[in-house]
N, C-alpha and C. Protein backbone atom coordinates (compact mmCIF):
# COMPACT_ATOMS: atom_id res chain seq x y z
N MET A 1 114.37 28.37 117.62
CA MET A 1 113.42 27.28 117.50
C MET A 1 114.26 26.53 116.42
N GLU A 2 113.82 24.93 116.96
CA GLU A 2 114.46 23.69 116.25
C GLU A 2 113.56 23.14 115.17
N SER A 3 114.02 22.43 114.27
CA SER A 3 113.47 21.86 113.38
C SER A 3 112.96 20.18 113.94
N MET A 4 112.60 19.65 112.88
CA MET A 4 112.39 18.04 113.42
C MET A 4 114.01 17.48 113.65
N THR A 5 114.00 16.49 114.51
CA THR A 5 115.09 16.08 114.84
C THR A 5 115.46 14.64 113.89
N THR A 6 116.36 14.39 113.39
CA THR A 6 116.56 13.02 112.72
C THR A 6 117.60 12.37 113.49
N ARG A 7 117.54 11.23 114.00
CA ARG A 7 118.30 10.18 114.60
C ARG A 7 119.04 9.38 113.83
N LEU A 8 120.35 9.16 113.77
CA LEU A 8 121.32 8.08 113.31
C LEU A 8 121.86 7.47 114.34
N PRO A 9 122.20 6.20 114.16
CA PRO A 9 123.03 5.30 115.06
C PRO A 9 124.07 5.62 114.49
N VAL A 10 125.23 5.38 115.48
CA VAL A 10 126.55 5.36 115.42
C VAL A 10 127.47 4.58 116.10
N THR A 11 128.20 4.08 115.59
CA THR A 11 129.17 3.24 116.62
C THR A 11 130.56 3.80 116.96
N LEU A 12 130.78 4.03 118.24
CA LEU A 12 132.00 4.75 118.91
C LEU A 12 133.01 3.62 119.02
N VAL A 13 134.35 3.94 118.58
CA VAL A 13 135.43 3.18 118.64
C VAL A 13 136.51 3.61 119.75
N PHE A 14 136.86 2.66 120.71
CA PHE A 14 137.84 2.98 121.48
C PHE A 14 139.20 2.56 121.02
N VAL A 15 140.35 3.16 121.23
CA VAL A 15 141.62 3.07 120.50
C VAL A 15 141.67 1.45 121.17
N SER A 16 141.35 0.91 121.94
CA SER A 16 141.60 -0.47 122.29
C SER A 16 140.96 -1.40 121.40
N GLY A 17 140.05 -0.80 120.42
CA GLY A 17 138.99 -1.58 119.66
C GLY A 17 137.64 -1.90 120.06
N ASP A 18 137.37 -1.96 121.40
CA ASP A 18 136.38 -1.88 121.87
C ASP A 18 135.08 -0.97 121.34
N VAL A 19 134.03 -1.27 121.39
CA VAL A 19 133.06 -0.49 120.81
C VAL A 19 131.91 -0.27 121.47
N LEU A 20 131.14 0.80 121.27
CA LEU A 20 130.16 1.27 121.91
C LEU A 20 128.91 1.79 121.19
N ALA A 21 127.61 1.55 121.62
CA ALA A 21 126.78 2.29 120.64
C ALA A 21 126.47 3.35 121.06
N GLY A 22 125.75 4.26 119.85
CA GLY A 22 125.53 5.78 120.35
C GLY A 22 124.60 6.12 119.42
N GLU A 23 124.14 7.29 119.40
CA GLU A 23 123.40 7.93 118.68
C GLU A 23 123.52 9.35 118.14
N PHE A 24 123.10 9.88 117.22
CA PHE A 24 123.61 11.19 116.52
C PHE A 24 121.99 11.67 116.47
N LEU A 25 121.73 13.03 117.03
CA LEU A 25 120.71 13.54 116.47
C LEU A 25 120.74 14.85 116.21
N LEU A 26 120.43 14.96 114.83
CA LEU A 26 120.83 16.18 113.96
C LEU A 26 119.35 17.28 113.82
N SER A 27 119.50 18.36 114.07
CA SER A 27 118.29 19.35 113.80
C SER A 27 119.01 20.80 113.50
N THR A 28 118.09 21.55 112.66
CA THR A 28 118.26 22.92 112.10
C THR A 28 117.89 23.82 113.08
N VAL A 29 118.78 24.68 113.60
CA VAL A 29 118.48 25.76 114.39
C VAL A 29 118.26 27.09 113.87
N ASP A 30 117.21 27.71 114.04
CA ASP A 30 116.65 29.07 113.41
C ASP A 30 116.16 29.76 114.45
N GLY A 31 116.99 30.79 115.15
CA GLY A 31 116.37 31.64 116.12
C GLY A 31 117.33 32.93 116.20
N ASP A 32 117.00 33.79 116.86
CA ASP A 32 117.34 35.25 116.76
C ASP A 32 118.67 35.27 117.19
N GLN A 33 119.39 34.78 117.97
CA GLN A 33 120.89 34.52 117.96
C GLN A 33 121.79 33.61 117.38
N VAL A 34 121.53 32.65 116.80
CA VAL A 34 122.05 31.83 116.01
C VAL A 34 121.38 31.23 114.83
N GLN A 35 121.77 30.58 113.81
CA GLN A 35 120.97 29.94 112.81
C GLN A 35 122.12 28.91 112.28
N GLY A 36 121.85 27.81 112.01
CA GLY A 36 122.77 26.70 111.72
C GLY A 36 122.15 25.46 112.08
N HIS A 37 123.16 24.70 112.35
CA HIS A 37 122.50 23.27 112.76
C HIS A 37 123.18 22.58 114.15
N ARG A 38 122.45 21.96 114.51
CA ARG A 38 122.43 21.32 115.97
C ARG A 38 122.89 19.65 115.72
N LEU A 39 124.11 19.41 116.22
CA LEU A 39 124.36 18.07 116.45
C LEU A 39 124.48 17.42 117.92
N VAL A 40 123.81 16.33 118.16
CA VAL A 40 123.88 16.08 119.68
C VAL A 40 124.44 14.54 119.41
N LEU A 41 125.47 14.12 120.35
CA LEU A 41 125.86 12.68 120.27
C LEU A 41 125.38 12.24 121.72
N ARG A 42 124.71 11.06 121.71
CA ARG A 42 124.25 10.31 122.95
C ARG A 42 124.85 9.01 123.00
N PHE A 43 125.80 9.00 124.20
CA PHE A 43 126.18 7.52 124.31
C PHE A 43 126.26 7.17 125.72
N ASP A 44 126.10 6.01 126.11
CA ASP A 44 126.54 5.57 127.46
C ASP A 44 125.97 6.70 128.37
N GLY A 45 124.70 6.85 128.55
CA GLY A 45 124.26 7.95 129.37
C GLY A 45 124.43 9.43 129.38
N GLU A 46 125.57 9.63 128.25
CA GLU A 46 125.93 10.91 128.34
C GLU A 46 125.56 11.60 127.14
N GLU A 47 125.71 13.22 126.82
CA GLU A 47 125.06 13.75 125.89
C GLU A 47 126.19 14.70 125.55
N ILE A 48 126.64 15.03 124.52
CA ILE A 48 127.66 16.25 123.89
C ILE A 48 126.77 16.81 122.81
N ALA A 49 126.71 17.84 122.81
CA ALA A 49 125.95 18.82 121.84
C ALA A 49 126.71 20.25 121.34
N VAL A 50 126.58 20.21 120.07
CA VAL A 50 127.26 21.36 119.61
C VAL A 50 126.20 21.79 118.34
N ALA A 51 126.23 23.54 118.16
CA ALA A 51 125.58 23.84 117.25
C ALA A 51 126.74 24.85 116.47
N ASP A 52 126.53 24.69 115.01
CA ASP A 52 127.46 25.27 114.29
C ASP A 52 126.53 25.56 113.08
N CYS A 53 127.59 26.09 111.85
CA CYS A 53 126.81 26.75 110.60
C CYS A 53 126.54 25.51 109.90
N GLU A 54 127.43 24.36 110.09
CA GLU A 54 127.37 23.13 109.12
C GLU A 54 127.79 22.02 109.99
N TYR A 55 127.20 20.73 109.64
CA TYR A 55 127.46 19.46 110.47
C TYR A 55 128.89 19.03 110.53
N PHE A 56 129.62 19.01 109.35
CA PHE A 56 130.87 18.76 109.41
C PHE A 56 131.90 19.17 110.58
N SER A 57 131.66 20.62 110.78
CA SER A 57 132.44 21.18 111.76
C SER A 57 131.99 21.19 113.12
N ALA A 58 130.58 20.61 113.34
CA ALA A 58 129.73 20.40 114.41
C ALA A 58 130.50 18.82 115.01
N LEU A 59 130.58 17.86 114.01
CA LEU A 59 131.32 16.94 113.89
C LEU A 59 132.63 16.80 114.61
N ALA A 60 133.37 17.82 114.00
CA ALA A 60 134.84 17.76 114.25
C ALA A 60 135.15 18.18 115.56
N ALA A 61 133.97 19.05 115.96
CA ALA A 61 133.99 19.80 117.50
C ALA A 61 133.87 18.31 118.63
N ILE A 62 132.64 17.70 118.11
CA ILE A 62 132.43 16.58 119.11
C ILE A 62 133.29 15.56 119.00
N ARG A 63 134.34 15.24 117.89
CA ARG A 63 135.30 14.22 117.82
C ARG A 63 136.44 15.00 118.85
N SER A 64 136.86 16.14 118.83
CA SER A 64 137.87 16.84 119.63
C SER A 64 137.73 16.53 121.27
N ALA A 65 136.17 16.47 121.64
CA ALA A 65 135.63 16.16 122.61
C ALA A 65 136.05 14.87 123.17
N LEU A 66 135.61 13.93 122.55
CA LEU A 66 135.87 12.31 122.32
C LEU A 66 137.47 12.22 122.56
N GLU A 67 138.35 12.67 121.82
CA GLU A 67 139.68 12.35 121.36
C GLU A 67 140.49 12.13 122.87
N PRO A 68 140.01 12.77 124.02
CA PRO A 68 141.18 12.57 124.96
C PRO A 68 140.71 11.32 125.60
N ARG A 69 139.70 10.79 125.68
CA ARG A 69 139.08 9.66 126.19
C ARG A 69 139.43 8.49 125.03
N GLY A 70 140.14 8.55 124.45
CA GLY A 70 140.58 7.48 123.42
C GLY A 70 139.48 6.76 122.44
N LEU A 71 138.28 7.91 122.24
CA LEU A 71 137.23 7.41 121.38
C LEU A 71 137.05 8.14 120.17
N ALA A 72 136.31 7.58 119.08
CA ALA A 72 135.94 8.15 117.79
C ALA A 72 134.93 7.52 117.56
N PRO A 73 133.95 8.39 116.43
CA PRO A 73 132.70 7.91 115.96
C PRO A 73 133.37 6.91 114.69
N ARG A 74 132.69 5.92 114.20
CA ARG A 74 133.01 5.18 113.11
C ARG A 74 131.89 5.67 112.06
N CYS A 75 132.42 6.78 111.57
CA CYS A 75 131.88 7.52 110.39
C CYS A 75 132.77 8.02 109.04
N TYR A 76 131.96 8.05 107.95
CA TYR A 76 132.83 9.01 107.17
C TYR A 76 133.25 10.10 107.44
N GLY A 77 132.49 10.89 108.33
CA GLY A 77 133.25 12.14 108.81
C GLY A 77 134.28 12.07 109.57
N ALA A 78 134.65 11.05 110.14
CA ALA A 78 135.81 11.01 111.09
C ALA A 78 136.83 9.91 110.21
N SER A 79 136.90 9.79 109.13
CA SER A 79 137.66 8.92 108.15
C SER A 79 138.98 9.94 107.68
N ARG A 80 140.09 9.12 108.19
CA ARG A 80 141.13 9.91 107.30
C ARG A 80 140.85 10.50 105.97
N ASN A 81 140.59 9.94 105.10
CA ASN A 81 140.34 10.56 103.80
C ASN A 81 138.98 10.90 103.39
N VAL A 82 138.51 11.67 104.20
CA VAL A 82 137.18 12.27 103.71
C VAL A 82 137.13 13.69 104.25
N TYR A 83 136.97 14.63 103.43
CA TYR A 83 136.99 16.04 103.86
C TYR A 83 136.05 16.82 102.96
N PRO A 84 135.25 17.74 103.25
CA PRO A 84 134.16 18.56 102.51
C PRO A 84 134.93 19.64 101.94
N SER A 85 134.34 19.92 100.43
CA SER A 85 134.62 21.03 99.83
C SER A 85 133.88 22.33 100.33
N ARG A 86 134.40 23.41 99.88
CA ARG A 86 133.54 24.62 100.27
C ARG A 86 132.17 24.61 100.12
N LEU A 87 131.87 24.16 98.69
CA LEU A 87 130.43 23.99 98.28
C LEU A 87 129.62 23.13 99.26
N THR A 88 130.17 21.88 99.51
CA THR A 88 129.34 21.01 100.61
C THR A 88 129.16 21.62 101.65
N ARG A 89 129.91 22.09 102.35
CA ARG A 89 129.76 22.91 103.66
C ARG A 89 128.77 23.98 103.35
N ASP A 90 128.69 24.43 102.48
CA ASP A 90 127.41 25.82 102.19
C ASP A 90 126.10 25.08 102.17
N TRP A 91 126.26 23.59 101.53
CA TRP A 91 125.17 22.82 101.46
C TRP A 91 124.58 22.20 102.77
N GLY A 92 125.41 22.58 103.83
CA GLY A 92 125.27 22.22 105.33
C GLY A 92 126.08 21.24 105.86
N GLY A 93 127.13 20.70 105.14
CA GLY A 93 128.15 19.75 105.68
C GLY A 93 127.85 18.07 105.61
N MET A 94 126.33 17.72 105.19
CA MET A 94 126.20 16.58 105.37
C MET A 94 127.01 15.46 104.66
N ARG A 95 127.51 15.97 103.33
CA ARG A 95 128.39 15.42 102.35
C ARG A 95 129.74 15.81 102.30
N ALA A 96 130.52 15.01 102.26
CA ALA A 96 132.10 15.01 102.00
C ALA A 96 132.58 13.99 100.62
N TYR A 97 134.05 14.67 100.50
CA TYR A 97 134.56 13.73 99.58
C TYR A 97 135.40 12.81 100.15
N ARG A 98 135.59 11.44 99.40
CA ARG A 98 136.78 10.73 99.66
C ARG A 98 137.75 11.17 98.88
N MET A 99 138.91 11.26 99.47
CA MET A 99 140.10 11.74 98.57
C MET A 99 141.17 10.58 98.61
N PHE A 100 141.64 10.60 97.16
CA PHE A 100 142.68 9.73 96.99
C PHE A 100 143.58 10.80 96.24
N LEU A 101 145.08 10.55 96.86
CA LEU A 101 146.24 11.18 96.55
C LEU A 101 146.51 11.24 95.17
N GLY A 102 146.55 12.20 94.60
CA GLY A 102 146.89 12.77 92.97
C GLY A 102 145.57 12.61 92.23
N ARG A 103 144.24 12.45 92.72
CA ARG A 103 143.27 12.41 91.99
C ARG A 103 142.13 13.23 92.48
N PRO A 104 141.83 14.71 91.67
CA PRO A 104 140.77 15.19 92.22
C PRO A 104 139.37 14.66 92.70
N GLY A 105 138.34 15.32 93.36
CA GLY A 105 137.28 14.69 94.06
C GLY A 105 136.22 14.68 92.97
N ALA A 106 135.54 13.62 92.87
CA ALA A 106 134.41 13.26 91.85
C ALA A 106 133.17 13.05 92.48
N VAL A 107 132.28 13.37 91.88
CA VAL A 107 130.78 13.28 92.32
C VAL A 107 130.61 11.61 93.16
N GLU A 108 131.09 10.75 92.44
CA GLU A 108 131.14 9.33 93.03
C GLU A 108 131.79 9.23 94.16
N ASP A 109 132.64 10.14 94.59
CA ASP A 109 133.38 10.03 95.73
C ASP A 109 132.81 10.76 96.98
N LEU A 110 131.47 11.48 96.79
CA LEU A 110 130.66 11.95 97.81
C LEU A 110 130.20 10.88 98.57
N VAL A 111 130.19 11.05 99.85
CA VAL A 111 129.79 10.41 100.97
C VAL A 111 128.77 11.04 102.08
N SER A 112 127.91 10.41 102.49
CA SER A 112 127.22 11.13 103.85
C SER A 112 128.37 11.09 104.87
N ILE A 113 128.41 12.19 105.77
CA ILE A 113 129.62 12.18 106.67
C ILE A 113 129.15 11.33 108.01
N PHE A 114 127.72 10.95 108.10
CA PHE A 114 127.21 10.08 109.25
C PHE A 114 127.09 8.66 108.99
N ASP A 115 127.43 8.06 107.69
CA ASP A 115 127.16 6.63 107.15
C ASP A 115 128.81 6.17 107.47
N ASP A 116 128.66 4.92 107.47
CA ASP A 116 129.48 3.79 107.95
C ASP A 116 130.12 3.15 106.53
N GLY A 117 131.18 2.93 106.40
CA GLY A 117 131.42 1.67 105.25
C GLY A 117 132.70 0.88 105.66
N PRO A 118 133.05 -0.08 104.59
CA PRO A 118 134.25 -0.83 104.82
C PRO A 118 135.46 -0.10 104.82
N ASP A 119 135.56 1.34 104.48
CA ASP A 119 136.82 2.18 104.00
C ASP A 119 136.82 3.14 104.96
N VAL A 120 135.99 2.87 106.11
CA VAL A 120 135.80 4.12 107.18
C VAL A 120 137.18 3.95 107.83
N ASP A 121 138.08 4.73 108.05
CA ASP A 121 139.10 4.57 108.86
C ASP A 121 139.32 5.77 110.00
N PRO A 122 138.61 5.96 110.92
CA PRO A 122 138.63 6.86 112.26
C PRO A 122 139.87 7.23 112.70
N VAL A 123 140.11 8.68 112.36
CA VAL A 123 141.40 9.14 113.03
C VAL A 123 141.00 10.71 113.54
N SER A 124 141.87 11.04 114.34
CA SER A 124 141.63 12.27 115.07
C SER A 124 141.55 13.35 114.00
N VAL A 125 140.95 14.71 114.62
CA VAL A 125 140.75 15.76 113.61
C VAL A 125 142.15 16.41 112.96
N GLN A 126 143.04 16.51 113.69
CA GLN A 126 144.67 16.99 113.16
C GLN A 126 144.72 15.97 112.02
N VAL A 127 144.94 14.74 112.43
CA VAL A 127 145.45 13.56 111.30
C VAL A 127 144.59 13.53 109.92
N GLN A 128 143.34 13.91 110.07
CA GLN A 128 142.15 13.98 108.92
C GLN A 128 142.69 15.36 108.12
N GLU A 129 142.78 16.40 109.13
CA GLU A 129 143.33 17.95 108.43
C GLU A 129 144.81 17.82 107.54
N GLU A 130 145.63 16.83 108.49
CA GLU A 130 146.95 16.87 107.56
C GLU A 130 146.82 16.10 106.53
N PHE A 131 145.96 14.90 106.34
CA PHE A 131 145.79 14.42 105.22
C PHE A 131 145.43 15.19 104.07
N TYR A 132 144.26 16.10 104.76
CA TYR A 132 143.64 17.03 103.58
C TYR A 132 144.63 17.63 102.96
N LEU A 133 145.61 18.35 103.60
CA LEU A 133 146.93 18.97 103.04
C LEU A 133 147.51 18.37 102.27
N GLU A 134 147.69 17.22 102.47
CA GLU A 134 148.85 16.11 101.95
C GLU A 134 147.92 15.70 100.56
N TRP A 135 146.60 15.66 100.59
CA TRP A 135 145.91 15.36 99.15
C TRP A 135 145.80 16.78 98.25
N THR A 136 145.77 17.79 98.92
CA THR A 136 145.83 19.06 98.26
C THR A 136 147.21 19.22 97.61
N ARG A 137 148.27 18.86 98.05
CA ARG A 137 149.54 19.14 97.62
C ARG A 137 149.63 18.17 96.38
N SER A 138 149.12 17.18 96.66
CA SER A 138 149.33 15.79 95.56
C SER A 138 148.64 16.39 94.32
N LEU A 139 147.63 17.32 94.54
CA LEU A 139 147.11 17.62 93.15
C LEU A 139 147.76 18.76 92.38
N ASP A 140 148.54 19.66 93.16
CA ASP A 140 149.27 20.61 92.64
C ASP A 140 150.08 21.19 93.61
N PRO A 141 151.41 20.53 93.43
CA PRO A 141 152.61 21.14 94.64
C PRO A 141 152.55 22.57 94.65
N THR A 142 152.48 23.36 93.76
CA THR A 142 152.69 24.71 93.91
C THR A 142 151.48 25.45 94.73
N ARG A 143 150.52 24.80 94.95
CA ARG A 143 149.33 25.24 95.82
C ARG A 143 149.71 24.79 97.51
N ARG A 144 150.74 24.52 97.86
CA ARG A 144 151.30 24.06 99.19
C ARG A 144 151.01 24.98 100.28
N VAL A 145 151.46 26.25 99.73
CA VAL A 145 151.47 27.46 100.97
C VAL A 145 149.91 27.73 100.86
N ALA A 146 149.29 28.05 99.85
CA ALA A 146 147.70 28.46 99.91
C ALA A 146 146.92 27.47 100.67
N ALA A 147 147.28 26.23 100.43
CA ALA A 147 146.36 25.30 101.05
C ALA A 147 146.79 25.14 102.58
N GLU A 148 148.18 25.48 103.02
CA GLU A 148 148.27 25.36 104.39
C GLU A 148 147.71 26.46 104.94
N ALA A 149 147.79 27.46 104.32
CA ALA A 149 147.18 28.87 105.14
C ALA A 149 145.80 28.81 105.19
N ALA A 150 145.02 28.11 104.06
CA ALA A 150 143.67 28.27 104.49
C ALA A 150 143.13 27.09 105.19
N ALA A 151 143.95 26.05 105.48
CA ALA A 151 143.45 25.32 106.57
C ALA A 151 143.74 25.80 108.01
N ALA A 152 144.83 26.63 108.11
CA ALA A 152 145.23 26.99 109.30
C ALA A 152 144.07 28.12 109.89
N ARG A 153 143.58 28.83 109.04
CA ARG A 153 142.84 29.93 109.24
C ARG A 153 141.37 29.43 109.38
N PRO A 154 140.46 29.72 110.39
CA PRO A 154 139.27 29.40 110.69
C PRO A 154 138.38 30.35 109.58
N SER A 155 137.22 29.53 109.01
CA SER A 155 136.43 30.47 108.14
C SER A 155 135.68 31.48 108.71
N ARG A 156 135.39 32.76 108.42
CA ARG A 156 135.03 33.78 108.73
C ARG A 156 133.39 33.45 109.20
N ARG A 157 132.84 32.26 108.31
CA ARG A 157 131.51 32.42 108.40
C ARG A 157 131.10 31.47 109.32
N PHE A 158 132.00 30.54 109.92
CA PHE A 158 131.37 29.74 110.99
C PHE A 158 131.59 29.94 112.24
N ARG A 159 130.68 30.06 113.14
CA ARG A 159 130.65 30.45 114.56
C ARG A 159 130.56 29.46 115.56
N TRP A 160 131.92 29.29 116.19
CA TRP A 160 131.82 27.80 117.18
C TRP A 160 130.91 28.38 118.35
N LEU A 161 130.13 27.70 118.55
CA LEU A 161 129.33 27.51 119.92
C LEU A 161 129.90 26.72 121.13
N PRO A 162 129.68 26.87 122.39
CA PRO A 162 130.03 25.77 123.34
C PRO A 162 129.54 24.31 123.23
N ILE A 163 130.58 23.52 123.57
CA ILE A 163 130.04 22.27 123.56
C ILE A 163 129.61 22.00 125.12
N PHE A 164 128.67 21.46 125.21
CA PHE A 164 128.19 21.10 126.85
C PHE A 164 127.75 19.20 126.89
N ASN A 165 128.50 19.04 127.92
CA ASN A 165 128.36 17.42 128.07
C ASN A 165 127.32 17.49 129.53
N THR A 166 126.05 16.85 129.01
CA THR A 166 125.10 17.25 130.23
C THR A 166 125.56 16.61 131.60
N ARG A 167 126.29 15.50 131.30
CA ARG A 167 126.53 14.57 132.64
C ARG A 167 127.95 14.94 133.51
N LYS A 168 128.91 15.30 132.30
CA LYS A 168 130.60 15.65 132.83
C LYS A 168 130.55 17.18 133.02
N GLY A 169 129.43 17.94 132.47
CA GLY A 169 129.92 19.72 132.63
C GLY A 169 130.97 19.86 131.84
N LEU A 170 131.17 19.27 130.58
CA LEU A 170 132.18 19.58 129.75
C LEU A 170 131.82 20.86 128.72
N THR A 171 132.58 21.94 128.67
CA THR A 171 133.03 22.82 127.84
C THR A 171 134.10 22.82 126.77
N VAL A 172 133.65 23.52 125.64
CA VAL A 172 134.89 23.41 124.75
C VAL A 172 134.55 25.05 124.29
N PRO A 173 135.59 25.87 124.84
CA PRO A 173 135.39 27.34 124.47
C PRO A 173 135.90 27.46 123.22
N ASP A 174 135.46 28.80 122.86
CA ASP A 174 135.67 29.85 121.41
C ASP A 174 137.46 29.39 121.15
N PRO A 175 137.77 29.02 119.96
CA PRO A 175 139.06 28.79 119.71
C PRO A 175 139.89 29.77 119.84
N GLY A 176 139.38 31.02 119.80
CA GLY A 176 140.08 32.30 119.64
C GLY A 176 140.11 32.58 121.39
N ALA A 177 139.18 32.30 122.28
CA ALA A 177 139.37 32.43 123.33
C ALA A 177 140.61 31.97 124.35
N ASP A 178 140.68 32.55 125.32
CA ASP A 178 141.67 32.09 126.51
C ASP A 178 141.52 30.85 127.10
N VAL A 179 141.67 29.68 126.73
CA VAL A 179 141.22 28.44 127.58
C VAL A 179 141.51 28.28 128.89
N ALA A 180 142.43 29.13 129.58
CA ALA A 180 142.31 29.05 131.12
C ALA A 180 141.03 29.96 131.32
N SER A 181 140.53 30.62 131.08
CA SER A 181 139.28 31.41 131.40
C SER A 181 137.97 30.74 131.09
N ALA A 182 137.95 29.51 130.58
CA ALA A 182 136.66 28.82 130.04
C ALA A 182 135.95 28.24 131.66
N GLU A 183 134.79 28.50 131.51
CA GLU A 183 133.92 27.84 132.76
C GLU A 183 132.95 26.87 132.28
N ALA A 184 132.80 26.11 133.06
CA ALA A 184 131.50 25.25 132.64
C ALA A 184 130.25 25.56 132.85
N PRO A 185 128.99 25.76 132.38
CA PRO A 185 127.67 26.69 132.52
C PRO A 185 126.97 26.13 133.83
N ARG A 186 126.66 27.10 134.14
CA ARG A 186 125.83 26.90 135.53
C ARG A 186 124.38 26.39 135.32
């Protein structure tokens, strides 16, 4: 069962600098098989949908599907220096912290991951995670090994569900699955 859907406009940016209008659709999923959040990106007649335990991870999955096309959403959730804490993930992943090297996150650094702003710097999921590790090391260099291990290990509470692009038949398998065995849904 899905809750009411929230629609949010988003600008998609190509590597070339060209832009494309899109729309995020956010809803909560509460069913027998899965509970969590559903995020859909609609643009240019296409739709990419992901269900996850929280919105930041769902957005990361959509961004990963867009990266091969040289396309990224222009929003704080895709920005180099924005990343959620465990607490903001537990609250649904709608908010995350803007990170500044050498400075811990503060309440005034919280942003909505779907908002745009003058300081948004859209990057790949990998570049964003690398900046998060760099930020963590800048706070306490002795935490380097623990931070890298935590970032490399997927959280046990998150369950990745397939992405399905209704026009292209695109699927993204479970990260632990053999990619060669993944098939498009019928």
